[in-house]
Protein backbone atom coordinates (compact mmCIF):
# COMPACT_ATOMS: atom_id res chain seq x y z
CA MET A 1 -29.04 8.55 13.36
CA ILE A 2 -26.57 6.31 15.22
CA ILE A 3 -25.51 3.02 13.59
CA LYS A 4 -22.92 0.47 14.73
CA TYR A 5 -20.16 -0.13 12.17
CA PHE A 6 -20.98 -3.84 11.85
CA HIS A 7 -24.56 -2.99 10.83
CA LEU A 8 -23.47 -0.92 7.84
CA LYS A 9 -23.11 -3.97 5.59
CA LYS A 10 -26.75 -4.85 6.21
CA THR A 11 -27.99 -1.30 5.65
CA ASP A 12 -29.56 -0.35 2.32
CA LYS A 13 -26.85 1.53 0.43
CA LYS A 14 -29.45 4.02 -0.84
CA LYS A 15 -29.80 5.23 2.75
CA LEU A 16 -26.07 5.76 3.15
CA LYS A 17 -25.66 9.31 1.87
CA VAL A 18 -23.67 11.29 4.43
CA LEU A 19 -21.85 9.51 7.26
CA LEU A 20 -19.72 10.74 10.14
CA PHE A 21 -17.11 8.26 11.42
CA TYR A 22 -15.73 9.37 14.78
CA GLY A 23 -13.42 7.88 17.40
CA LYS A 24 -9.71 7.14 17.62
CA ASN A 25 -9.73 3.68 16.00
CA ASN A 26 -8.53 4.79 12.56
CA GLY A 27 -7.66 1.27 11.49
CA LEU A 28 -11.23 0.06 11.98
CA LYS A 29 -12.54 3.09 10.08
CA GLU A 30 -10.36 2.21 7.07
CA ASP A 31 -11.33 -1.46 7.22
CA THR A 32 -15.01 -0.49 7.29
CA ILE A 33 -14.62 1.88 4.35
CA ASN A 34 -12.79 -0.76 2.31
CA GLN A 35 -15.17 -3.62 3.13
CA VAL A 36 -18.51 -1.78 3.05
CA PHE A 37 -18.00 0.93 0.45
CA LEU A 38 -14.99 0.27 -1.77
CA GLU A 39 -15.25 -3.48 -2.31
CA ASN A 40 -16.47 -3.97 -5.92
CA PHE A 41 -17.02 -0.21 -6.22
CA ASP A 42 -16.74 0.89 -9.86
CA GLY A 43 -17.26 4.64 -9.52
CA ARG A 44 -15.01 7.58 -8.62
CA LEU A 45 -13.33 7.97 -5.25
CA ASN A 46 -12.11 11.38 -4.06
CA ARG A 47 -10.24 11.96 -0.78
CA TYR A 48 -9.86 15.42 0.76
CA ASP A 49 -8.86 16.90 4.07
CA GLU A 50 -11.31 19.33 5.68
CA GLN A 51 -9.47 22.52 4.73
CA TYR A 52 -9.35 21.61 1.04
CA PHE A 53 -13.01 20.54 1.06
CA ILE A 54 -14.15 23.80 2.68
CA THR A 55 -11.96 26.03 0.49
CA ASN A 56 -13.19 24.36 -2.71
CA TYR A 57 -16.73 23.63 -1.50
CA GLU A 58 -18.64 25.48 -4.24
CA ASN A 59 -16.66 23.77 -7.02
CA ILE A 60 -17.06 20.34 -5.42
CA ILE A 61 -20.82 20.74 -4.94
CA SER A 62 -21.28 22.12 -8.44
CA GLU A 63 -19.44 19.11 -9.84
CA LEU A 64 -21.54 16.71 -7.74
CA LEU A 65 -24.81 18.28 -8.89
CA ASN A 66 -23.76 18.10 -12.55
CA GLU A 67 -22.49 14.54 -12.32
CA SER A 68 -25.59 13.32 -10.47
CA LEU A 69 -27.59 14.12 -13.62
CA PHE A 70 -25.61 11.41 -15.42
CA GLU A 71 -25.88 8.90 -12.54
CA ASN A 72 -22.12 8.56 -11.99
CA LYS A 73 -21.44 6.82 -8.69
CA LYS A 74 -19.05 8.67 -6.46
CA ILE A 75 -17.60 8.40 -2.97
CA ILE A 76 -16.05 11.38 -1.19
CA ILE A 77 -13.98 10.88 1.95
CA VAL A 78 -13.10 13.95 4.02
CA SER A 79 -10.48 13.45 6.75
CA ARG A 80 -9.75 15.28 9.99
CA VAL A 81 -13.08 17.11 10.06
CA SER A 82 -14.04 19.52 12.85
CA GLU A 83 -16.98 21.71 13.82
CA LYS A 84 -16.03 23.97 10.88
CA ILE A 85 -17.65 21.55 8.45
CA TYR A 86 -21.05 21.73 10.15
CA LYS A 87 -22.65 24.41 7.96
CA PHE A 88 -21.45 22.72 4.77
CA ILE A 89 -22.95 19.37 5.75
CA ASP A 90 -26.16 21.15 6.75
CA ASP A 91 -26.24 22.62 3.25
CA ILE A 92 -25.53 19.25 1.58
CA SER A 93 -28.32 17.55 3.54
CA LYS A 94 -30.82 19.99 2.02
CA ARG A 95 -29.71 19.41 -1.56
CA ASN A 96 -30.83 16.67 -3.90
CA ILE A 97 -27.53 14.95 -4.70
CA ASN A 98 -27.86 11.43 -6.07
CA ASP A 99 -25.41 8.54 -6.39
CA VAL A 100 -22.94 10.17 -4.04
CA ILE A 101 -21.75 8.93 -0.63
CA ILE A 102 -19.89 11.37 1.62
CA ILE A 103 -17.87 9.95 4.52
CA LEU A 104 -16.47 12.31 7.14
CA LYS A 105 -13.68 11.07 9.40
CA THR A 106 -12.66 12.60 12.70
CA GLY A 107 -11.29 11.71 16.12
CA ILE A 108 -13.03 11.74 19.48
CA LEU A 109 -16.15 13.96 19.66
CA GLU A 110 -17.55 15.20 22.96
CA LYS A 111 -21.25 14.61 23.63
CA LYS A 112 -21.86 18.35 23.48
CA SER A 113 -20.27 18.59 20.01
CA LYS A 114 -22.59 20.46 17.64
CA LEU A 115 -21.55 18.24 14.76
CA ARG A 116 -22.14 15.01 16.70
CA THR A 117 -25.54 16.20 17.97
CA PHE A 118 -26.57 17.23 14.46
CA PHE A 119 -25.88 13.74 13.09
CA GLU A 120 -27.38 11.87 16.05
CA LYS A 121 -30.67 13.75 15.83
CA SER A 122 -30.94 13.56 12.04
CA LYS A 123 -33.18 10.95 10.40
CA THR A 124 -31.11 10.85 7.23
CA LEU A 125 -27.51 11.55 8.29
CA ILE A 126 -25.61 8.65 9.86
CA ILE A 127 -23.05 8.76 12.65
CA VAL A 128 -20.86 5.74 13.46
CA PRO A 129 -18.69 5.50 16.60
CA PHE A 130 -15.36 3.65 16.37
CA TYR A 131 -14.12 2.51 19.77
CA ASP A 132 -10.85 0.79 20.63
CA ASP A 133 -10.36 -2.77 19.43
CA ASN A 134 -10.31 -5.29 22.25
CA SER A 135 -7.58 -7.91 22.61
CA GLN A 136 -9.75 -10.55 20.95
CA ASP A 137 -10.17 -8.39 17.81
CA LEU A 138 -6.44 -7.69 17.63
CA THR A 139 -5.49 -11.32 18.28
CA LYS A 140 -7.64 -12.38 15.33
CA ILE A 141 -5.86 -9.88 13.07
CA VAL A 142 -2.41 -11.04 14.21
CA VAL A 143 -3.19 -14.76 13.87
CA GLU A 144 -4.66 -14.31 10.40
CA PHE A 145 -1.71 -12.21 9.22
CA LEU A 146 0.92 -14.65 10.53
CA SER A 147 -0.94 -17.59 9.03
CA ASN A 148 -1.17 -15.95 5.59
CA LYS A 149 2.51 -14.98 5.64
CA LYS A 150 3.58 -18.35 7.12
CA ILE A 151 5.43 -16.68 9.99
CA LYS A 152 5.99 -18.48 13.30
CA MET A 153 5.60 -16.45 16.49
CA SER A 154 5.11 -17.28 20.17
CA ARG A 155 2.03 -16.27 22.16
CA GLU A 156 4.28 -14.05 24.28
CA SER A 157 5.42 -12.16 21.19
CA MET A 158 1.85 -11.81 19.93
CA ASN A 159 0.76 -10.39 23.29
CA LEU A 160 3.59 -7.85 23.14
CA LEU A 161 2.37 -6.60 19.74
CA ILE A 162 -1.22 -6.43 20.95
CA ASN A 163 -0.28 -4.47 24.06
CA ARG A 164 1.71 -1.96 22.01
CA ALA A 165 -1.18 -1.45 19.56
CA ASN A 166 -3.09 0.66 22.12
CA GLY A 167 -6.44 -0.66 20.93
CA ASP A 168 -6.05 0.43 17.31
CA ARG A 169 -5.71 -2.11 14.51
CA GLU A 170 -3.92 0.48 12.36
CA ASN A 171 -1.05 0.44 14.85
CA ILE A 172 -0.83 -3.33 14.88
CA LYS A 173 -0.86 -3.51 11.09
CA VAL A 174 2.14 -1.17 11.00
CA GLU A 175 3.95 -3.41 13.48
CA LEU A 176 3.02 -6.55 11.53
CA GLU A 177 4.41 -5.00 8.36
CA LYS A 178 7.75 -4.54 10.14
CA ILE A 179 7.62 -8.19 11.20
CA TYR A 180 6.89 -9.26 7.63
CA ASN A 181 9.78 -7.22 6.21
CA TYR A 182 12.16 -8.85 8.64
CA SER A 183 10.68 -12.31 8.02
CA LEU A 184 11.72 -12.24 4.37
CA SER A 185 15.08 -13.57 5.53
CA ASN A 186 13.88 -15.45 8.63
CA LYS A 187 10.42 -17.00 9.03
CA LYS A 188 10.82 -17.67 12.75
CA ILE A 189 10.63 -14.50 14.81
CA ASP A 190 11.62 -14.78 18.48
CA PHE A 191 10.51 -12.49 21.31
CA GLU A 192 13.65 -10.31 21.34
CA ILE A 193 13.29 -9.61 17.63
CA VAL A 194 9.63 -8.65 18.09
CA LYS A 195 10.56 -6.46 21.03
CA LYS A 196 13.16 -4.66 18.95
CA LEU A 197 11.09 -4.31 15.79
CA SER A 198 8.05 -3.00 17.62
CA ASN A 199 9.98 -0.49 19.71
CA LEU A 200 9.74 2.92 18.08
CA THR A 201 12.81 4.23 19.88
CA GLU A 202 15.05 1.40 18.74
CA ASN A 203 13.78 1.72 15.16
CA PHE A 204 14.30 5.47 15.06
CA GLY A 205 17.82 5.13 13.68
CA ALA A 206 16.74 3.09 10.65
CA SER A 207 13.76 5.32 9.97
CA GLU A 208 15.77 8.53 10.28
CA LEU A 209 18.49 7.09 8.06
CA ALA A 210 15.91 6.28 5.37
CA ASP A 211 14.40 9.77 5.58
CA SER A 212 17.80 11.46 5.32
CA PHE A 213 18.74 9.22 2.39
CA LEU A 214 15.56 10.27 0.54
CA GLU A 215 16.18 13.92 1.42
CA ARG A 216 19.67 13.48 -0.04
CA ASN A 217 21.08 14.92 3.14
CA SER A 218 24.54 13.35 3.11
CA LYS A 219 25.69 15.25 6.20
CA ASN A 220 22.83 13.80 8.25
CA VAL A 221 23.36 10.32 6.78
CA ILE A 222 26.98 10.36 7.96
CA LYS A 223 25.92 11.61 11.39
CA ILE A 224 23.33 8.82 11.79
CA LEU A 225 25.78 6.14 10.67
CA ASN A 226 28.32 7.41 13.20
CA GLU A 227 25.92 7.81 16.11
CA ASN A 228 24.00 4.53 15.75
CA ASN A 229 25.68 1.27 16.60
CA PHE A 230 24.11 -0.69 13.76
CA ALA A 231 24.78 -4.44 13.71
CA GLN A 232 24.73 -6.89 10.81
CA ASP A 233 21.26 -8.02 11.88
CA ASP A 234 20.01 -4.45 11.34
CA CYS A 235 20.92 -4.35 7.66
CA ILE A 236 17.83 -6.07 6.30
CA LEU A 237 15.64 -3.85 8.45
CA ILE A 238 17.46 -0.74 7.18
CA ILE A 239 17.21 -1.67 3.52
CA ARG A 240 13.55 -2.70 3.84
CA THR A 241 12.78 0.59 5.63
CA ILE A 242 14.43 2.53 2.80
CA LEU A 243 12.55 0.44 0.24
CA ASN A 244 9.14 0.94 1.86
CA LYS A 245 9.67 4.68 2.28
CA SER A 246 10.87 4.93 -1.32
CA LYS A 247 7.75 3.18 -2.61
CA ARG A 248 5.56 5.46 -0.52
CA LEU A 249 7.42 8.51 -1.83
CA LEU A 250 7.00 7.33 -5.43
CA ASN A 251 3.26 6.99 -4.87
CA ILE A 252 3.15 10.52 -3.40
CA ILE A 253 5.13 11.96 -6.33
CA GLU A 254 2.86 10.28 -8.89
CA ARG A 255 -0.29 11.55 -7.17
CA TYR A 256 1.24 15.02 -6.82
CA GLN A 257 1.82 15.11 -10.58
CA GLU A 258 -1.91 14.51 -11.07
CA ILE A 259 -3.53 16.91 -8.61
CA LYS A 260 -0.73 19.48 -8.08
CA ASN A 261 -1.52 19.91 -4.37
CA ILE A 262 1.18 18.43 -2.16
CA ASP A 263 -0.69 19.16 1.09
CA GLU A 264 -3.75 17.26 -0.12
CA VAL A 265 -1.61 14.34 -1.30
CA ILE A 266 0.20 14.10 2.03
CA SER A 267 -2.98 14.42 4.10
CA THR A 268 -4.69 11.58 2.19
CA THR A 269 -1.72 9.19 2.14
CA ARG A 270 -2.28 5.89 3.96
CA PRO A 271 -0.92 4.88 6.42
CA PRO A 272 -1.18 8.48 7.69
CA ILE A 273 1.94 10.68 7.73
CA PHE A 274 2.54 12.24 11.13
CA TRP A 275 2.57 16.05 11.20
CA LYS A 276 6.24 16.15 12.21
CA ASP A 277 7.17 14.23 9.03
CA LYS A 278 5.26 16.39 6.53
CA GLU A 279 8.08 18.85 5.86
CA ILE A 280 10.49 15.94 5.44
CA ILE A 281 8.20 14.43 2.79
CA LYS A 282 7.94 17.76 0.98
CA ASN A 283 11.73 18.03 0.85
CA GLN A 284 11.95 14.48 -0.49
CA VAL A 285 9.40 15.23 -3.23
CA LYS A 286 11.52 18.19 -4.38
CA ASN A 287 14.61 15.98 -4.62
CA TRP A 288 13.30 13.20 -6.85
CA LYS A 289 11.75 12.71 -10.27
CA ASP A 290 9.51 9.67 -10.62
CA ILE A 291 11.69 7.86 -13.18
CA GLU A 292 14.80 8.51 -11.10
CA LEU A 293 13.16 7.11 -7.96
CA LYS A 294 11.89 4.05 -9.85
CA ASN A 295 15.46 3.28 -10.88
CA LYS A 296 16.61 3.76 -7.30
CA ILE A 297 13.96 1.28 -6.10
CA TYR A 298 15.36 -1.30 -8.54
CA GLN A 299 18.81 -0.64 -7.08
CA ILE A 300 17.51 -1.07 -3.53
CA ASN A 301 16.15 -4.50 -4.44
CA GLU A 302 19.53 -5.43 -5.87
CA ILE A 303 21.28 -4.19 -2.72
CA GLU A 304 18.98 -6.31 -0.56
CA SER A 305 19.95 -9.41 -2.55
CA LEU A 306 23.60 -8.47 -2.22
CA VAL A 307 23.27 -8.01 1.56
CA LYS A 308 21.66 -11.42 1.95
CA LYS A 309 24.48 -13.08 -0.02
CA ASN A 310 27.25 -11.20 1.81
CA SER A 311 26.04 -10.94 5.39
CA GLN A 312 29.57 -10.58 6.79
CA ASN A 313 30.09 -7.45 4.72
CA SER A 314 26.49 -6.17 4.92
CA LEU A 315 27.23 -3.03 6.96
CA ASN A 316 29.81 -1.85 4.44
CA ILE A 317 27.42 -2.52 1.58
CA ILE A 318 24.64 -0.51 3.25
CA SER A 319 26.98 2.34 4.17
CA ASP A 320 28.38 2.60 0.65
CA PHE A 321 24.89 2.57 -0.83
CA VAL A 322 23.36 5.31 1.37
CA LEU A 323 26.41 7.55 0.98
CA ASN A 324 26.45 7.33 -2.84
CA TYR A 325 23.25 8.48 -4.48
């Protein structure tokens, strides 16, 4: 059964048992999940990637069947699904599992996809397409964000962000977060600043520096400092990048301590971690204990205050900090 995402709110929740979200607009998928399913939800939420779900299928289903006897509400979200999950969903659709919603997330599905056809022809399973956001959708997101954060930005700058989002609100939210981090010291953001902040190539140095810092790779930190011509204006961006990545790493470490499966933790982290960064994250997890990283986050906040008070000496402050763990 095909349903548009904006009709889900009006659909009887008792009919929402197993859903397949497909398409490349990951940001809209997450917004829909949060607004339709997680808002005011008081049950259990479990997130898996497909491989973990398939490998542990019997245990997961057994747990669901047992818990359904006690009417515990539960939502299961399975990411990056493929045709491999077909037979498992076919099995679930034939079982009597109550008070459980299963949401499958995947990218683009061809019309001839067995999984897509199965959902489209079913009278009980629901499939929801997620197409690119148009410029009007993205403009609304940008305007609302800037208004809430009290940030001034020209129409030209807004259009630049929207163009670089490639039709996905998840992309634009990442860019807006960069803008917000920078705005903590300057509420007016001109076009050149937006151009620089939203350019992945120009931000690579700050991001790579933060990753090497959290890997405790002093040799690479020195190399990055030497090869990148950082200016005083870059210091806030660098320290905020380190801070954000440190907070994300702390969250990953804390979740890893609970479920003891680093691959599952990384695959369910939001915003998503790109495949090329997964080994970097694993190395970082090995290098930090949660209490140690919490203390480091406090230090980063103190360094940011110090940088703001001593802008003329900010590069030296940043360099000393990243080179001395």
